[in-house]
Amino acid sequence: METRHIPRSSFTRAIVILQIILVVFVILSVASLHHFFHVGYFLDANEENCQKFQTMSNGYADYDLTALHDRVEEALARISDIQNKLQSSLKNKRSIAVKNITHTELRIFLEEQVMQPLYSVHVALTLVRIPKPDAVEAPLINFFTVEETRKYITGKGNKDGKLSVYGTNRTYNTIGHACVLMRKELEEYMDYDMGSYCKDDWNLAQKLMLGGCDPLPRRRCLAPASNLYQKPLPINMSLWTMPDDRNVRWSNYKCRDFKCLSSRSPRRSFSKCIGCFEFEKEKLRWVSNVSLADFLIADVLAVKPGEIRIGLDVSVGTGSFAARMREWNVTIVSTSLNLGAPFSETIALRGLIPLYVTLNQRLPFFDNTMDLIHSSVFLDGWIDLQLLDFILFDWDRVLRPGGLLWLDKFFCSRKDLDDYIYMFLQFRYKKHKWVISFKSKDEVYLSALLEKPPRSL
């Protein structure tokens, strides 16, 4: 079968026609923004018009005019880039323009170099929104360029104006304010094929969370799982059995199996919780004393017999504390982040509950609901005192009257000990246990078991 070729003159005419179309597109795009000037926002920059444009009477305020300007400039820059590519194709003697090319090659060239960029410009301009005086709109609607991000942060009105179960007629999806500072990363996170598989980018999501872009937006793509996923072990076996390697996506870790995560492995890429993937060692914790700072679960539960039923473990680990407490019929939710190892997956595969949150986030529990909060290998001497203050007040909020706060070997430098002691004692909790011991020459351990007072109004 003979392959059809397009002569140079035909291709040149096609490029010229495309340039003409591009010019028309620019004219129409500018015309679509004519109403900006028609209402006098830019020509008559008096205080009344500026106030009208930059604020709204309902809901959100401080509409970002700078972001709108940047968005239009970005679209115009894309158009200029397309124009330059077309001109280069005509002038460069070594380019595709001087060769005999097939219809397939021409179609690929037009799709990749012309149509796709033009479509992105079209979307960028058509999604520019000007606030109406009576409208309720997200102030960042023109800051982000990826369409899925814009759709997410736009308020969603209820059908037929009906009230929701929360008594509201509009729903606002939330993202952390730091997302503005991490726009590039968030746009990459939200740039996906809707309804298809998500990219294996949990590490990007975690980077956003740790940077303060938390909570992250929901996404309309399917989270990938391991191709070799095996059904988990029964609960009576899973608590103290190392999970199957095939149930974890290892692509973003230095290790590629659980054996590599042992304390002796040089490839292990995390420093906290050194032996937490060695369950035989983990089994000894909280049931035998190694030092004065180690409390036994039996002794802690004996302080409030029969009253400790649910709790929160704020630690870096694989859920061993929750596994041990489950043997005492206590349900523990374990906070987790994948700091160099699959902590979240391991907790879940053991039949326990991982709560994927950072220190940035308010705990998603209602006031006065937890019987116990346990913290180990997490809040140490690195933490800023004001940050610790916010965290402790949030713990106090969710801990019920009579609930227990268990500080499990908190360590800090000796010179900072008094500052940290004040932070823990400011709530006037009852002391059940209080031990200070030496970790090293310059560092100390603090272990404490404290009971929240009633504080009835």
Foldseek 3Di string as FASTA:
>chain_A
DDFDWDALVRVLVVLVVLVVVLVVVVVVLVVVCVVCPVVPVPPPVDPVSVLQQQAAPDADGGQPPVLLVVLLVVLVVLSVVLVVVSVCQVPDCPHPSRDTDGPVVVVVCCVPSPVVSVVLSVQSSVQDDGDDRHDHFDSCLSNARQPQVNVQQGKAAAPPQDADPVRDGIDGHDWFPCCSVVVVLLSVQAPDDAAEAHDQVVVSCVVCQVSRRPPRTDHRHHYDWQPQADDFDPLVPLQQDFTDLRRDDCPPAQDSGLVCLALPHPRQDDDFPSHQSPSVVLVPALCDDPDPLGHHPVVLCVVPPPQAAEAEEEEEHQCSVQSVVVVVNHAYEYEYDQPRHPSQSSNVSSVHHYDDHDLSDQDPAAFQAHQEYEYDRHDEAVDDLVSLLVSVVSVNRRHHQFHKYWYRFHKHFPVCVVVVVCSVCVQVFAWPDWDWADPDPGMITITTITGHHHPDD
